Amino acid sequence: MPMRIEAIEEVIFENVWEKNMKVRRQFMCSNNLTIVVTNIKSRELKSATAVIKLLGLKNMNVLSRKVLAYAFSGNFRTLFVHFAVDVNDPYASMLD
């Protein structure tokens, strides 16, 4: 049985959307500010607006416009909210 050798492609922002959900979540968590919310009811979060409201951000808030993506864990009990690269500590303090 011949061994199958695949080239490992480097994951960068331009190709991360072509990868599976686990690779995307790992990439986003390691390169972007990420907030993890546990024990949620995912059925109530059907839109990006619902996620922004869960975090307590208003639509006109600067930080609400910086939400890059959000994803659920496999059991839909954990929410990962990923922010844009330029979001740093001063913006993160708005969540307190």
N, C-alpha and C. Protein backbone atom coordinates (compact mmCIF):
# COMPACT_ATOMS: atom_id res chain seq x y z
N MET A 1 0.85 -1.17 0.00
CA MET A 1 0.00 0.00 0.00
C MET A 1 0.89 1.24 0.00
N PRO A 2 0.83 2.05 -1.06
CA PRO A 2 1.70 3.23 -1.14
C PRO A 2 1.27 4.30 -0.14
N MET A 3 2.26 4.99 0.39
CA MET A 3 1.98 6.08 1.32
C MET A 3 1.56 7.32 0.54
N ARG A 4 0.61 7.99 1.04
CA ARG A 4 0.14 9.20 0.40
C ARG A 4 0.74 10.39 1.12
N ILE A 5 1.47 11.19 0.39
CA ILE A 5 2.13 12.36 0.97
C ILE A 5 1.44 13.60 0.42
N GLU A 6 0.95 14.41 1.31
CA GLU A 6 0.29 15.65 0.91
C GLU A 6 1.13 16.83 1.36
N ALA A 7 1.17 17.81 0.52
CA ALA A 7 1.88 19.03 0.88
C ALA A 7 1.04 19.78 1.91
N ILE A 8 1.66 20.20 2.96
CA ILE A 8 0.95 20.97 3.99
C ILE A 8 0.99 22.43 3.59
N GLU A 9 -0.17 22.96 3.34
CA GLU A 9 -0.28 24.34 2.92
C GLU A 9 -0.33 25.24 4.15
N GLU A 10 0.43 26.31 4.10
CA GLU A 10 0.42 27.26 5.20
C GLU A 10 -0.93 27.96 5.25
N VAL A 11 -1.47 28.09 6.43
CA VAL A 11 -2.76 28.75 6.60
C VAL A 11 -2.49 30.24 6.81
N ILE A 12 -3.04 31.04 5.92
CA ILE A 12 -2.96 32.49 6.03
C ILE A 12 -4.37 33.04 5.91
N PHE A 13 -4.53 34.33 6.16
CA PHE A 13 -5.88 34.90 6.18
C PHE A 13 -6.59 34.75 4.84
N GLU A 14 -5.84 34.81 3.74
CA GLU A 14 -6.46 34.72 2.42
C GLU A 14 -7.03 33.33 2.13
N ASN A 15 -6.47 32.27 2.71
CA ASN A 15 -6.96 30.92 2.41
C ASN A 15 -7.64 30.24 3.59
N VAL A 16 -7.77 30.92 4.70
CA VAL A 16 -8.35 30.30 5.89
C VAL A 16 -9.81 29.90 5.65
N TRP A 17 -10.52 30.62 4.80
CA TRP A 17 -11.94 30.34 4.56
C TRP A 17 -12.13 29.06 3.73
N GLU A 18 -11.06 28.56 3.12
CA GLU A 18 -11.12 27.31 2.36
C GLU A 18 -10.93 26.09 3.26
N LYS A 19 -10.53 26.30 4.48
CA LYS A 19 -10.22 25.20 5.41
C LYS A 19 -11.47 24.78 6.18
N ASN A 20 -11.34 23.67 6.90
CA ASN A 20 -12.48 23.21 7.69
C ASN A 20 -12.64 24.08 8.94
N MET A 21 -13.74 23.89 9.63
CA MET A 21 -14.08 24.77 10.76
C MET A 21 -13.05 24.71 11.88
N LYS A 22 -12.52 23.53 12.16
CA LYS A 22 -11.55 23.40 13.25
C LYS A 22 -10.28 24.19 12.94
N VAL A 23 -9.78 24.10 11.71
CA VAL A 23 -8.58 24.85 11.31
C VAL A 23 -8.85 26.34 11.36
N ARG A 24 -10.03 26.77 10.88
CA ARG A 24 -10.37 28.20 10.93
C ARG A 24 -10.41 28.71 12.36
N ARG A 25 -11.05 27.95 13.26
CA ARG A 25 -11.15 28.38 14.66
C ARG A 25 -9.77 28.47 15.30
N GLN A 26 -8.91 27.48 15.06
CA GLN A 26 -7.56 27.51 15.62
C GLN A 26 -6.77 28.70 15.08
N PHE A 27 -6.89 28.98 13.79
CA PHE A 27 -6.18 30.10 13.18
C PHE A 27 -6.67 31.42 13.77
N MET A 28 -7.98 31.59 13.84
CA MET A 28 -8.54 32.84 14.36
C MET A 28 -8.20 33.03 15.84
N CYS A 29 -8.27 31.97 16.62
CA CYS A 29 -7.97 32.10 18.06
C CYS A 29 -6.51 32.46 18.30
N SER A 30 -5.62 31.99 17.43
CA SER A 30 -4.20 32.27 17.64
C SER A 30 -3.77 33.61 17.05
N ASN A 31 -4.53 34.19 16.14
CA ASN A 31 -4.11 35.41 15.47
C ASN A 31 -4.99 36.63 15.73
N ASN A 32 -6.13 36.45 16.33
CA ASN A 32 -7.05 37.55 16.55
C ASN A 32 -7.53 37.54 18.00
N LEU A 33 -7.98 38.71 18.45
CA LEU A 33 -8.64 38.78 19.76
C LEU A 33 -9.91 37.95 19.67
N THR A 34 -10.05 37.00 20.58
CA THR A 34 -11.20 36.10 20.56
C THR A 34 -11.84 36.05 21.94
N ILE A 35 -13.14 36.15 21.96
CA ILE A 35 -13.89 36.01 23.20
C ILE A 35 -14.61 34.68 23.14
N VAL A 36 -14.51 33.91 24.21
CA VAL A 36 -15.15 32.60 24.28
C VAL A 36 -16.27 32.70 25.31
N VAL A 37 -17.49 32.37 24.89
CA VAL A 37 -18.66 32.40 25.76
C VAL A 37 -19.18 30.98 25.87
N THR A 38 -19.32 30.48 27.10
CA THR A 38 -19.78 29.11 27.29
C THR A 38 -21.18 29.07 27.88
N ASN A 39 -21.75 27.89 27.82
CA ASN A 39 -23.12 27.64 28.30
C ASN A 39 -24.13 28.58 27.67
N ILE A 40 -24.18 28.55 26.36
CA ILE A 40 -25.13 29.40 25.64
C ILE A 40 -26.23 28.54 25.06
N LYS A 41 -27.29 29.18 24.66
CA LYS A 41 -28.38 28.51 23.94
C LYS A 41 -28.28 28.97 22.48
N SER A 42 -27.65 28.15 21.66
CA SER A 42 -27.35 28.55 20.29
C SER A 42 -28.59 28.79 19.45
N ARG A 43 -29.70 28.20 19.80
CA ARG A 43 -30.93 28.41 19.02
C ARG A 43 -31.41 29.85 19.09
N GLU A 44 -31.01 30.56 20.13
CA GLU A 44 -31.41 31.96 20.28
C GLU A 44 -30.50 32.90 19.51
N LEU A 45 -29.37 32.41 19.03
CA LEU A 45 -28.40 33.24 18.32
C LEU A 45 -28.42 32.89 16.83
N LYS A 46 -29.42 33.39 16.13
CA LYS A 46 -29.59 33.02 14.72
C LYS A 46 -28.94 34.02 13.77
N SER A 47 -28.45 35.13 14.26
CA SER A 47 -27.86 36.14 13.38
C SER A 47 -26.68 36.81 14.06
N ALA A 48 -25.92 37.54 13.26
CA ALA A 48 -24.79 38.29 13.80
C ALA A 48 -25.27 39.36 14.77
N THR A 49 -26.42 39.94 14.51
CA THR A 49 -26.98 40.96 15.40
C THR A 49 -27.27 40.37 16.77
N ALA A 50 -27.76 39.14 16.81
CA ALA A 50 -28.05 38.49 18.09
C ALA A 50 -26.76 38.25 18.88
N VAL A 51 -25.67 37.92 18.19
CA VAL A 51 -24.39 37.72 18.86
C VAL A 51 -23.89 39.04 19.43
N ILE A 52 -24.01 40.11 18.66
CA ILE A 52 -23.57 41.44 19.11
C ILE A 52 -24.38 41.87 20.33
N LYS A 53 -25.68 41.60 20.33
CA LYS A 53 -26.52 41.95 21.48
C LYS A 53 -26.15 41.11 22.70
N LEU A 54 -25.80 39.84 22.49
CA LEU A 54 -25.38 38.99 23.61
C LEU A 54 -24.15 39.57 24.30
N LEU A 55 -23.23 40.13 23.52
CA LEU A 55 -22.02 40.72 24.09
C LEU A 55 -22.29 42.08 24.72
N GLY A 56 -23.48 42.62 24.53
CA GLY A 56 -23.81 43.91 25.12
C GLY A 56 -23.33 45.09 24.31
N LEU A 57 -23.04 44.87 23.04
CA LEU A 57 -22.59 45.95 22.16
C LEU A 57 -23.77 46.52 21.40
N LYS A 58 -23.76 47.80 21.22
CA LYS A 58 -24.80 48.43 20.41
C LYS A 58 -24.32 48.45 18.96
N ASN A 59 -25.24 48.52 18.02
CA ASN A 59 -24.87 48.48 16.61
C ASN A 59 -23.94 49.61 16.20
N MET A 60 -24.04 50.75 16.82
CA MET A 60 -23.19 51.88 16.45
C MET A 60 -21.85 51.87 17.19
N ASN A 61 -21.66 50.95 18.09
CA ASN A 61 -20.42 50.84 18.85
C ASN A 61 -19.28 50.49 17.89
N VAL A 62 -18.11 51.08 18.09
CA VAL A 62 -16.95 50.82 17.25
C VAL A 62 -16.59 49.34 17.28
N LEU A 63 -16.67 48.73 18.42
CA LEU A 63 -16.28 47.33 18.56
C LEU A 63 -17.24 46.39 17.84
N SER A 64 -18.51 46.74 17.77
CA SER A 64 -19.47 45.86 17.08
C SER A 64 -19.18 45.78 15.59
N ARG A 65 -18.56 46.81 15.03
CA ARG A 65 -18.21 46.78 13.60
C ARG A 65 -16.92 46.02 13.36
N LYS A 66 -16.20 45.67 14.41
CA LYS A 66 -14.93 44.95 14.28
C LYS A 66 -15.08 43.45 14.45
N VAL A 67 -16.31 42.95 14.62
CA VAL A 67 -16.51 41.50 14.72
C VAL A 67 -16.23 40.91 13.35
N LEU A 68 -15.24 40.03 13.29
CA LEU A 68 -14.83 39.44 12.02
C LEU A 68 -15.62 38.18 11.72
N ALA A 69 -15.78 37.33 12.70
CA ALA A 69 -16.50 36.06 12.51
C ALA A 69 -16.89 35.52 13.87
N TYR A 70 -17.83 34.60 13.84
CA TYR A 70 -18.16 33.86 15.06
C TYR A 70 -18.43 32.42 14.67
N ALA A 71 -18.17 31.53 15.60
CA ALA A 71 -18.35 30.10 15.33
C ALA A 71 -18.78 29.42 16.62
N PHE A 72 -19.46 28.32 16.46
CA PHE A 72 -19.89 27.52 17.60
C PHE A 72 -19.00 26.29 17.72
N SER A 73 -18.91 25.75 18.92
CA SER A 73 -18.20 24.49 19.11
C SER A 73 -19.05 23.36 18.54
N GLY A 74 -18.51 22.17 18.52
CA GLY A 74 -19.21 21.02 17.96
C GLY A 74 -20.53 20.72 18.62
N ASN A 75 -20.64 20.98 19.92
CA ASN A 75 -21.90 20.70 20.63
C ASN A 75 -22.79 21.93 20.75
N PHE A 76 -22.41 23.04 20.12
CA PHE A 76 -23.19 24.28 20.09
C PHE A 76 -23.41 24.88 21.47
N ARG A 77 -22.56 24.59 22.43
CA ARG A 77 -22.68 25.15 23.77
C ARG A 77 -21.63 26.24 24.04
N THR A 78 -20.69 26.40 23.12
CA THR A 78 -19.63 27.40 23.27
C THR A 78 -19.60 28.26 22.02
N LEU A 79 -19.48 29.56 22.22
CA LEU A 79 -19.44 30.52 21.12
C LEU A 79 -18.07 31.17 21.09
N PHE A 80 -17.45 31.22 19.92
CA PHE A 80 -16.18 31.90 19.72
C PHE A 80 -16.45 33.13 18.87
N VAL A 81 -16.14 34.32 19.39
CA VAL A 81 -16.33 35.57 18.65
C VAL A 81 -14.94 36.12 18.34
N HIS A 82 -14.64 36.25 17.05
CA HIS A 82 -13.32 36.70 16.61
C HIS A 82 -13.42 38.14 16.12
N PHE A 83 -12.49 38.97 16.58
CA PHE A 83 -12.46 40.37 16.20
C PHE A 83 -11.35 40.62 15.19
N ALA A 84 -11.43 41.75 14.50
CA ALA A 84 -10.44 42.11 13.50
C ALA A 84 -9.05 42.24 14.13
N VAL A 85 -8.04 42.17 13.29
CA VAL A 85 -6.65 42.18 13.75
C VAL A 85 -6.30 43.47 14.48
N ASP A 86 -6.89 44.59 14.06
CA ASP A 86 -6.52 45.88 14.66
C ASP A 86 -7.20 46.16 15.99
N VAL A 87 -7.99 45.23 16.49
CA VAL A 87 -8.61 45.39 17.81
C VAL A 87 -7.59 45.01 18.87
N ASN A 88 -7.38 45.90 19.83
CA ASN A 88 -6.39 45.64 20.88
C ASN A 88 -7.00 45.93 22.25
N ASP A 89 -6.17 46.04 23.24
CA ASP A 89 -6.64 46.18 24.62
C ASP A 89 -7.59 47.35 24.87
N PRO A 90 -7.36 48.55 24.33
CA PRO A 90 -8.32 49.62 24.61
C PRO A 90 -9.73 49.28 24.13
N TYR A 91 -9.84 48.64 22.98
CA TYR A 91 -11.16 48.23 22.50
C TYR A 91 -11.73 47.12 23.36
N ALA A 92 -10.90 46.19 23.76
CA ALA A 92 -11.37 45.06 24.56
C ALA A 92 -11.92 45.52 25.90
N SER A 93 -11.41 46.62 26.43
CA SER A 93 -11.92 47.11 27.71
C SER A 93 -13.36 47.62 27.59
N MET A 94 -13.84 47.85 26.36
CA MET A 94 -15.22 48.28 26.15
C MET A 94 -16.20 47.17 26.50
N LEU A 95 -15.73 45.93 26.57
CA LEU A 95 -16.60 44.80 26.86
C LEU A 95 -16.88 44.63 28.34
N ASP A 96 -16.12 45.27 29.18
CA ASP A 96 -16.30 45.12 30.63
C ASP A 96 -17.61 45.69 31.11
